[in-house]
Amino acid sequence: MAGRTLVVYASKYGTTEKYARIIADALGGDSLEVAKAGTAGLGGYDRIIVGSPVFAGQGSGKVKKFLEKNRKQLAAKETGAYICCMAQGEDSKGQLVRAYPEWFLKTARNTEVLGGEILLSKLKGLHKLIIVKMMKQEKDESAFSEENARKFAGRFI
């Protein structure tokens, strides 16, 4: 399906947004934060790709609410989904499944686990405490890959 693409995302620290912009650029589309997309409407788009960060093994509640609110509109469009996380292998696949409703994943043309980032310099409060104390994270870490984002976008062409 060709047509206009919208990449909708939630991003607390910027990684999911960076991926959204790369994917939208590769497809000649637009990217919008989930709160703005919810009010902008989806009518002018043929393809909706949704991006969610993962924190403590769970996807964004804002993304899940957006999907439920727009379920009927999304059913008539080509869709895709990605998550940003540091997990690898089977663990990352499990996080993808937990990040999105089953109905959405079943109809998505493409799904992908894109590498995440832990940026201690951006974390605040409880998030930082959890990462430092529980995960024993002492420095910034990145598995961000522009190449993987472009490959994911290419699967829609």
Protein backbone atom coordinates (compact mmCIF):
# COMPACT_ATOMS: atom_id res chain seq x y z
CA MET A 1 0.00 0.00 0.00
CA ALA A 2 1.47 3.32 -1.03
CA GLY A 3 0.39 6.60 0.44
CA ARG A 4 1.02 9.02 3.24
CA THR A 5 2.77 7.69 6.32
CA LEU A 6 2.47 8.84 9.92
CA VAL A 7 4.85 7.58 12.58
CA VAL A 8 3.23 7.99 16.00
CA TYR A 9 5.45 7.60 19.05
CA ALA A 10 5.84 8.09 22.78
CA SER A 11 9.30 9.11 23.93
CA LYS A 12 10.30 10.11 27.43
CA TYR A 13 14.03 10.54 26.82
CA GLY A 14 14.23 10.96 23.03
CA THR A 15 15.27 7.59 21.60
CA THR A 16 11.86 6.56 20.27
CA GLU A 17 11.44 10.03 18.78
CA LYS A 18 14.80 9.79 16.98
CA TYR A 19 13.70 6.50 15.42
CA ALA A 20 10.32 7.98 14.47
CA ARG A 21 11.98 10.82 12.58
CA ILE A 22 14.35 8.46 10.74
CA ILE A 23 11.50 6.12 9.72
CA ALA A 24 9.21 9.00 8.67
CA ASP A 25 12.04 10.56 6.67
CA ALA A 26 12.80 7.27 4.91
CA LEU A 27 9.14 6.91 3.92
CA GLY A 28 8.53 10.59 3.08
CA GLY A 29 6.05 10.83 5.93
CA ASP A 30 5.36 12.69 9.14
CA SER A 31 6.09 11.93 12.78
CA LEU A 32 4.01 13.06 15.74
CA GLU A 33 4.14 12.48 19.48
CA VAL A 34 1.20 10.30 20.50
CA ALA A 35 -0.65 13.10 22.36
CA LYS A 36 -0.54 15.35 19.29
CA ALA A 37 -1.49 12.51 16.93
CA GLY A 38 -4.53 11.77 19.04
CA THR A 39 -5.89 15.24 18.37
CA ALA A 40 -4.60 15.66 14.80
CA GLY A 41 -6.59 12.78 13.35
CA LEU A 42 -5.45 9.92 11.15
CA GLY A 43 -7.72 10.51 8.17
CA GLY A 44 -5.05 11.91 5.88
CA TYR A 45 -2.75 8.90 6.26
CA ASP A 46 -2.76 5.48 4.63
CA ARG A 47 -0.04 3.97 6.82
CA ILE A 48 0.43 4.34 10.57
CA ILE A 49 3.61 3.11 12.26
CA VAL A 50 3.65 3.19 16.05
CA GLY A 51 6.74 3.42 18.26
CA SER A 52 6.90 2.68 21.97
CA PRO A 53 9.72 2.87 24.47
CA VAL A 54 10.10 0.05 26.96
CA PHE A 55 10.78 0.71 30.62
CA ALA A 56 10.95 -2.09 33.17
CA GLY A 57 9.79 -4.52 30.49
CA GLN A 58 6.58 -2.65 29.65
CA GLY A 59 5.52 -0.49 26.73
CA SER A 60 4.03 2.98 26.95
CA GLY A 61 0.55 3.33 28.42
CA LYS A 62 0.04 6.41 26.22
CA VAL A 63 0.61 4.29 23.12
CA LYS A 64 -1.82 1.61 24.30
CA LYS A 65 -4.51 4.26 24.97
CA PHE A 66 -3.92 5.79 21.53
CA LEU A 67 -4.33 2.39 19.86
CA GLU A 68 -7.56 1.59 21.70
CA LYS A 69 -9.01 5.04 21.00
CA ASN A 70 -8.21 4.76 17.27
CA ARG A 71 -8.85 1.04 16.78
CA LYS A 72 -11.54 1.46 14.11
CA GLN A 73 -9.48 3.92 12.05
CA LEU A 74 -6.36 1.75 12.34
CA ALA A 75 -8.24 -1.30 11.07
CA ALA A 76 -8.58 0.41 7.67
CA LYS A 77 -4.89 1.29 7.38
CA GLU A 78 -1.57 -0.42 6.83
CA THR A 79 0.18 -0.51 10.20
CA GLY A 80 3.51 -1.30 11.75
CA ALA A 81 5.08 -1.23 15.21
CA TYR A 82 8.47 -0.91 16.81
CA ILE A 83 9.86 -0.74 20.30
CA CYS A 84 13.09 0.69 21.69
CA CYS A 85 14.71 -1.50 24.30
CA MET A 86 18.05 -2.81 25.49
CA ALA A 87 16.89 -6.43 25.68
CA GLN A 88 18.01 -8.93 23.06
CA GLY A 89 16.82 -12.26 21.68
CA GLU A 90 13.70 -13.88 23.11
CA ASP A 91 13.46 -11.31 25.91
CA SER A 92 13.15 -8.49 23.37
CA LYS A 93 10.42 -10.36 21.48
CA GLY A 94 8.51 -10.76 24.73
CA GLN A 95 8.79 -7.04 25.36
CA LEU A 96 7.40 -6.34 21.89
CA VAL A 97 4.40 -8.58 22.60
CA ARG A 98 3.78 -6.87 25.96
CA ALA A 99 4.10 -3.38 24.47
CA TYR A 100 1.13 -3.69 22.09
CA PRO A 101 -2.37 -5.16 22.14
CA GLU A 102 -2.63 -8.57 20.47
CA TRP A 103 -5.16 -7.31 17.89
CA PHE A 104 -2.71 -4.62 16.75
CA LEU A 105 0.26 -6.97 16.38
CA LYS A 106 -1.86 -9.46 14.40
CA THR A 107 -2.73 -6.84 11.80
CA ALA A 108 0.63 -5.02 11.66
CA ARG A 109 2.46 -5.49 8.38
CA ASN A 110 5.86 -5.23 10.08
CA THR A 111 7.12 -5.21 13.65
CA GLU A 112 10.63 -4.63 14.93
CA VAL A 113 12.71 -4.38 18.07
CA LEU A 114 15.08 -1.47 17.62
CA GLY A 115 17.96 -0.93 20.00
CA GLY A 116 17.47 1.35 22.95
CA GLU A 117 19.55 3.72 24.98
CA ILE A 118 20.12 4.21 28.67
CA LEU A 119 21.13 7.82 29.07
CA LEU A 120 21.82 8.38 32.75
CA SER A 121 22.55 12.02 31.96
CA LYS A 122 18.87 12.47 31.00
CA LEU A 123 17.24 10.29 33.66
CA LYS A 124 15.66 11.84 36.73
CA GLY A 125 14.15 10.74 40.00
CA LEU A 126 12.78 7.23 40.32
CA HIS A 127 13.81 6.22 36.80
CA LYS A 128 17.43 7.06 37.53
CA LEU A 129 17.33 5.35 40.92
CA ILE A 130 15.94 2.15 39.39
CA ILE A 131 18.52 2.07 36.62
CA VAL A 132 21.48 2.83 38.88
CA LYS A 133 20.54 0.67 41.88
CA MET A 134 18.64 -2.27 40.43
CA MET A 135 20.35 -2.60 37.07
CA LYS A 136 23.75 -1.52 38.37
CA GLN A 137 24.08 0.86 35.44
CA GLU A 138 26.93 3.31 35.94
CA LYS A 139 27.24 5.05 32.56
CA ASP A 140 25.33 5.87 29.41
CA GLU A 141 24.81 2.92 27.08
CA SER A 142 23.45 2.89 23.54
CA ALA A 143 22.32 0.23 21.11
CA PHE A 144 20.78 2.87 18.82
CA SER A 145 21.00 1.99 15.13
CA GLU A 146 19.94 4.34 12.36
CA GLU A 147 20.70 1.54 9.89
CA ASN A 148 18.19 -0.80 11.57
CA ALA A 149 15.54 1.94 11.53
CA ARG A 150 16.07 2.48 7.80
CA LYS A 151 15.89 -1.28 7.15
CA PHE A 152 12.61 -1.43 9.08
CA ALA A 153 11.23 1.48 7.04
CA GLY A 154 12.39 -0.22 3.83
CA ARG A 155 10.12 -3.20 4.54
CA PHE A 156 7.12 -0.92 3.93
CA ILE A 157 8.24 0.03 0.42
